[in-house]
């Protein structure tokens, strides 16, 4: 267990951060695409774009 925590975890952290960032980009693009096709969030529910307006 000590070997895992000491050697492997620090080397995996940077890859996980990059994968999470790319995944978040895909989520934002998917939400924007669905909103463009009018399958997004309905008007009473707050959304980022409507909150900026």
PDB file of N, CA and C in Angstrom:
ATOM      1  N   UNK A   1       0.828  -1.195   0.000  1.00  0.00           N
ATOM      2  CA  UNK A   1       0.000   0.000   0.000  1.00  0.00           C
ATOM      3  C   UNK A   1       0.868   1.252   0.000  1.00  0.00           C
ATOM      4  N   UNK A   2       1.965   1.196   0.707  1.00  0.00           N
ATOM      5  CA  UNK A   2       2.854   2.350   0.781  1.00  0.00           C
ATOM      6  C   UNK A   2       3.453   2.670  -0.585  1.00  0.00           C
ATOM      7  N   UNK A   3       3.767   1.636  -1.350  1.00  0.00           N
ATOM      8  CA  UNK A   3       4.339   1.839  -2.682  1.00  0.00           C
ATOM      9  C   UNK A   3       3.327   2.529  -3.592  1.00  0.00           C
ATOM     10  N   UNK A   4       2.069   2.135  -3.480  1.00  0.00           N
ATOM     11  CA  UNK A   4       1.023   2.745  -4.285  1.00  0.00           C
ATOM     12  C   UNK A   4       0.895   4.232  -3.977  1.00  0.00           C
ATOM     13  N   UNK A   5       0.825   4.564  -2.722  1.00  0.00           N
ATOM     14  CA  UNK A   5       0.656   5.960  -2.337  1.00  0.00           C
ATOM     15  C   UNK A   5       1.889   6.802  -2.643  1.00  0.00           C
ATOM     16  N   UNK A   6       3.041   6.198  -2.526  1.00  0.00           N
ATOM     17  CA  UNK A   6       4.280   6.965  -2.651  1.00  0.00           C
ATOM     18  C   UNK A   6       4.729   7.149  -4.098  1.00  0.00           C
ATOM     19  N   UNK A   7       4.510   6.187  -4.951  1.00  0.00           N
ATOM     20  CA  UNK A   7       5.042   6.248  -6.308  1.00  0.00           C
ATOM     21  C   UNK A   7       3.983   6.423  -7.393  1.00  0.00           C
ATOM     22  N   UNK A   8       2.889   5.716  -7.303  1.00  0.00           N
ATOM     23  CA  UNK A   8       1.938   5.713  -8.410  1.00  0.00           C
ATOM     24  C   UNK A   8       0.969   6.886  -8.385  1.00  0.00           C
ATOM     25  N   UNK A   9       0.431   7.200  -7.231  1.00  0.00           N
ATOM     26  CA  UNK A   9      -0.579   8.256  -7.123  1.00  0.00           C
ATOM     27  C   UNK A   9      -0.044   9.613  -7.593  1.00  0.00           C
ATOM     28  N   UNK A  10       1.129  10.063  -7.175  1.00  0.00           N
ATOM     29  CA  UNK A  10       1.613  11.366  -7.668  1.00  0.00           C
ATOM     30  C   UNK A  10       1.798  11.413  -9.186  1.00  0.00           C
ATOM     31  N   UNK A  11       2.109  10.291  -9.806  1.00  0.00           N
ATOM     32  CA  UNK A  11       2.294  10.270 -11.250  1.00  0.00           C
ATOM     33  C   UNK A  11       0.974  10.224 -12.008  1.00  0.00           C
ATOM     34  N   UNK A  12      -0.099   9.824 -11.357  1.00  0.00           N
ATOM     35  CA  UNK A  12      -1.397   9.714 -12.009  1.00  0.00           C
ATOM     36  C   UNK A  12      -2.207  11.000 -11.861  1.00  0.00           C
ATOM     37  N   UNK A  13      -1.920  11.796 -10.861  1.00  0.00           N
ATOM     38  CA  UNK A  13      -2.708  12.990 -10.570  1.00  0.00           C
ATOM     39  C   UNK A  13      -2.782  13.933 -11.769  1.00  0.00           C
ATOM     40  N   UNK A  14      -1.655  14.196 -12.429  1.00  0.00           N
ATOM     41  CA  UNK A  14      -1.664  15.141 -13.548  1.00  0.00           C
ATOM     42  C   UNK A  14      -2.525  14.623 -14.697  1.00  0.00           C
ATOM     43  N   UNK A  15      -2.467  13.338 -14.966  1.00  0.00           N
ATOM     44  CA  UNK A  15      -3.300  12.768 -16.026  1.00  0.00           C
ATOM     45  C   UNK A  15      -4.782  12.859 -15.675  1.00  0.00           C
ATOM     46  N   UNK A  16      -5.122  12.636 -14.433  1.00  0.00           N
ATOM     47  CA  UNK A  16      -6.516  12.737 -14.011  1.00  0.00           C
ATOM     48  C   UNK A  16      -7.031  14.162 -14.130  1.00  0.00           C
ATOM     49  N   UNK A  17      -6.202  15.135 -13.807  1.00  0.00           N
ATOM     50  CA  UNK A  17      -6.617  16.539 -13.926  1.00  0.00           C
ATOM     51  C   UNK A  17      -6.887  16.885 -15.387  1.00  0.00           C
ATOM     52  N   UNK A  18      -6.017  16.451 -16.291  1.00  0.00           N
ATOM     53  CA  UNK A  18      -6.209  16.726 -17.713  1.00  0.00           C
ATOM     54  C   UNK A  18      -7.465  16.035 -18.223  1.00  0.00           C
ATOM     55  N   UNK A  19      -7.684  14.786 -17.848  1.00  0.00           N
ATOM     56  CA  UNK A  19      -8.868  14.058 -18.295  1.00  0.00           C
ATOM     57  C   UNK A  19     -10.146  14.704 -17.766  1.00  0.00           C
ATOM     58  N   UNK A  20     -10.130  15.179 -16.530  1.00  0.00           N
ATOM     59  CA  UNK A  20     -11.307  15.834 -15.965  1.00  0.00           C
ATOM     60  C   UNK A  20     -11.586  17.151 -16.679  1.00  0.00           C
ATOM     61  N   UNK A  21     -10.542  17.893 -17.035  1.00  0.00           N
ATOM     62  CA  UNK A  21     -10.728  19.158 -17.742  1.00  0.00           C
ATOM     63  C   UNK A  21     -11.315  18.933 -19.125  1.00  0.00           C
ATOM     64  N   UNK A  22     -10.807  17.956 -19.844  1.00  0.00           N
ATOM     65  CA  UNK A  22     -11.336  17.640 -21.176  1.00  0.00           C
ATOM     66  C   UNK A  22     -12.775  17.137 -21.067  1.00  0.00           C
ATOM     67  N   UNK A  23     -13.049  16.322 -20.066  1.00  0.00           N
ATOM     68  CA  UNK A  23     -14.408  15.829 -19.857  1.00  0.00           C
ATOM     69  C   UNK A  23     -15.385  16.953 -19.565  1.00  0.00           C
ATOM     70  N   UNK A  24     -14.945  17.948 -18.804  1.00  0.00           N
ATOM     71  CA  UNK A  24     -15.810  19.091 -18.506  1.00  0.00           C
ATOM     72  C   UNK A  24     -16.103  19.885 -19.774  1.00  0.00           C
ATOM     73  N   UNK A  25     -15.123  19.972 -20.663  1.00  0.00           N
ATOM     74  CA  UNK A  25     -15.352  20.635 -21.943  1.00  0.00           C
ATOM     75  C   UNK A  25     -16.402  19.915 -22.772  1.00  0.00           C
ATOM     76  N   UNK A  26     -16.350  18.575 -22.778  1.00  0.00           N
ATOM     77  CA  UNK A  26     -17.353  17.793 -23.501  1.00  0.00           C
ATOM     78  C   UNK A  26     -18.750  17.999 -22.902  1.00  0.00           C
ATOM     79  N   UNK A  27     -18.829  18.107 -21.602  1.00  0.00           N
ATOM     80  CA  UNK A  27     -20.121  18.332 -20.953  1.00  0.00           C
ATOM     81  C   UNK A  27     -20.688  19.689 -21.346  1.00  0.00           C
ATOM     82  N   UNK A  28     -19.844  20.712 -21.366  1.00  0.00           N
ATOM     83  CA  UNK A  28     -20.307  22.050 -21.745  1.00  0.00           C
ATOM     84  C   UNK A  28     -20.750  22.078 -23.206  1.00  0.00           C
ATOM     85  N   UNK A  29     -19.977  21.437 -24.091  1.00  0.00           N
ATOM     86  CA  UNK A  29     -20.368  21.391 -25.499  1.00  0.00           C
ATOM     87  C   UNK A  29     -21.663  20.607 -25.696  1.00  0.00           C
ATOM     88  N   UNK A  30     -21.850  19.542 -24.967  1.00  0.00           N
ATOM     89  CA  UNK A  30     -23.092  18.770 -25.073  1.00  0.00           C
ATOM     90  C   UNK A  30     -24.289  19.583 -24.609  1.00  0.00           C
ATOM     91  N   UNK A  31     -24.136  20.302 -23.516  1.00  0.00           N
ATOM     92  CA  UNK A  31     -25.237  21.135 -23.010  1.00  0.00           C
ATOM     93  C   UNK A  31     -25.545  22.261 -23.989  1.00  0.00           C
ATOM     94  N   UNK A  32     -24.516  22.854 -24.596  1.00  0.00           N
ATOM     95  CA  UNK A  32     -24.747  23.920 -25.571  1.00  0.00           C
ATOM     96  C   UNK A  32     -25.434  23.375 -26.814  1.00  0.00           C
ATOM     97  N   UNK A  33     -25.034  22.190 -27.257  1.00  0.00           N
ATOM     98  CA  UNK A  33     -25.677  21.589 -28.425  1.00  0.00           C
ATOM     99  C   UNK A  33     -27.132  21.255 -28.174  1.00  0.00           C
ATOM    100  N   UNK A  34     -27.422  20.696 -27.015  1.00  0.00           N
ATOM    101  CA  UNK A  34     -28.812  20.382 -26.682  1.00  0.00           C
ATOM    102  C   UNK A  34     -29.651  21.648 -26.540  1.00  0.00           C
ATOM    103  N   UNK A  35     -29.065  22.686 -25.988  1.00  0.00           N
ATOM    104  CA  UNK A  35     -29.783  23.941 -25.850  1.00  0.00           C
ATOM    105  C   UNK A  35     -30.047  24.560 -27.219  1.00  0.00           C
ATOM    106  N   UNK A  36     -29.091  24.442 -28.136  1.00  0.00           N
ATOM    107  CA  UNK A  36     -29.283  24.956 -29.493  1.00  0.00           C
ATOM    108  C   UNK A  36     -30.413  24.229 -30.204  1.00  0.00           C
ATOM    109  N   UNK A  37     -30.531  22.934 -29.970  1.00  0.00           N
ATOM    110  CA  UNK A  37     -31.594  22.143 -30.588  1.00  0.00           C
ATOM    111  C   UNK A  37     -32.915  22.247 -29.823  1.00  0.00           C
ATOM    112  N   UNK A  38     -32.951  23.089 -28.815  1.00  0.00           N
ATOM    113  CA  UNK A  38     -34.135  23.327 -27.981  1.00  0.00           C
ATOM    114  C   UNK A  38     -34.514  22.118 -27.140  1.00  0.00           C
ATOM    115  N   UNK A  39     -33.528  21.309 -26.776  1.00  0.00           N
ATOM    116  CA  UNK A  39     -33.746  20.205 -25.848  1.00  0.00           C
ATOM    117  C   UNK A  39     -33.072  20.480 -24.510  1.00  0.00           C
ATOM    118  N   UNK A  40     -32.742  21.728 -24.250  1.00  0.00           N
ATOM    119  CA  UNK A  40     -32.017  22.090 -23.042  1.00  0.00           C
ATOM    120  C   UNK A  40     -32.938  22.254 -21.849  1.00  0.00           C
ATOM    121  N   UNK A  41     -32.480  23.034 -20.917  1.00  0.00           N
ATOM    122  CA  UNK A  41     -33.210  23.292 -19.675  1.00  0.00           C
ATOM    123  C   UNK A  41     -34.398  24.197 -19.976  1.00  0.00           C
ATOM    124  N   UNK A  42     -35.529  23.925 -19.363  1.00  0.00           N
ATOM    125  CA  UNK A  42     -36.734  24.721 -19.584  1.00  0.00           C
ATOM    126  C   UNK A  42     -36.644  26.047 -18.834  1.00  0.00           C
ATOM    127  N   UNK A  43     -37.370  27.079 -19.264  1.00  0.00           N
ATOM    128  CA  UNK A  43     -37.215  28.442 -18.758  1.00  0.00           C
ATOM    129  C   UNK A  43     -37.259  28.664 -17.247  1.00  0.00           C
ATOM    130  N   UNK A  44     -38.091  28.009 -16.445  1.00  0.00           N
ATOM    131  CA  UNK A  44     -38.036  28.349 -15.008  1.00  0.00           C
ATOM    132  C   UNK A  44     -36.720  27.939 -14.334  1.00  0.00           C
ATOM    133  N   UNK A  45     -36.031  26.969 -14.902  1.00  0.00           N
ATOM    134  CA  UNK A  45     -34.784  26.496 -14.310  1.00  0.00           C
ATOM    135  C   UNK A  45     -33.639  27.404 -14.740  1.00  0.00           C
ATOM    136  N   UNK A  46     -32.836  27.901 -13.803  1.00  0.00           N
ATOM    137  CA  UNK A  46     -31.736  28.792 -14.181  1.00  0.00           C
ATOM    138  C   UNK A  46     -30.649  28.059 -14.964  1.00  0.00           C
ATOM    139  N   UNK A  47     -30.077  28.749 -15.936  1.00  0.00           N
ATOM    140  CA  UNK A  47     -28.999  28.237 -16.756  1.00  0.00           C
ATOM    141  C   UNK A  47     -27.942  29.331 -16.842  1.00  0.00           C
ATOM    142  N   UNK A  48     -26.712  28.970 -17.160  1.00  0.00           N
ATOM    143  CA  UNK A  48     -25.629  29.949 -17.175  1.00  0.00           C
ATOM    144  C   UNK A  48     -25.914  31.121 -18.096  1.00  0.00           C
ATOM    145  N   UNK A  49     -26.375  30.841 -19.313  1.00  0.00           N
ATOM    146  CA  UNK A  49     -26.616  31.918 -20.282  1.00  0.00           C
ATOM    147  C   UNK A  49     -27.773  32.800 -19.830  1.00  0.00           C
ATOM    148  N   UNK A  50     -28.844  32.201 -19.344  1.00  0.00           N
ATOM    149  CA  UNK A  50     -29.974  33.003 -18.897  1.00  0.00           C
ATOM    150  C   UNK A  50     -29.632  33.795 -17.638  1.00  0.00           C
ATOM    151  N   UNK A  51     -28.754  33.286 -16.813  1.00  0.00           N
ATOM    152  CA  UNK A  51     -28.339  34.041 -15.630  1.00  0.00           C
ATOM    153  C   UNK A  51     -27.460  35.229 -16.025  1.00  0.00           C
ATOM    154  N   UNK A  52     -26.681  35.082 -17.128  1.00  0.00           N
ATOM    155  CA  UNK A  52     -25.872  36.211 -17.587  1.00  0.00           C
ATOM    156  C   UNK A  52     -26.716  37.298 -18.213  1.00  0.00           C
ATOM    157  N   UNK A  53     -27.821  36.911 -18.834  1.00  0.00           N
ATOM    158  CA  UNK A  53     -28.713  37.909 -19.431  1.00  0.00           C
ATOM    159  C   UNK A  53     -29.393  38.682 -18.331  1.00  0.00           C
TER     160      UNK A  53
END
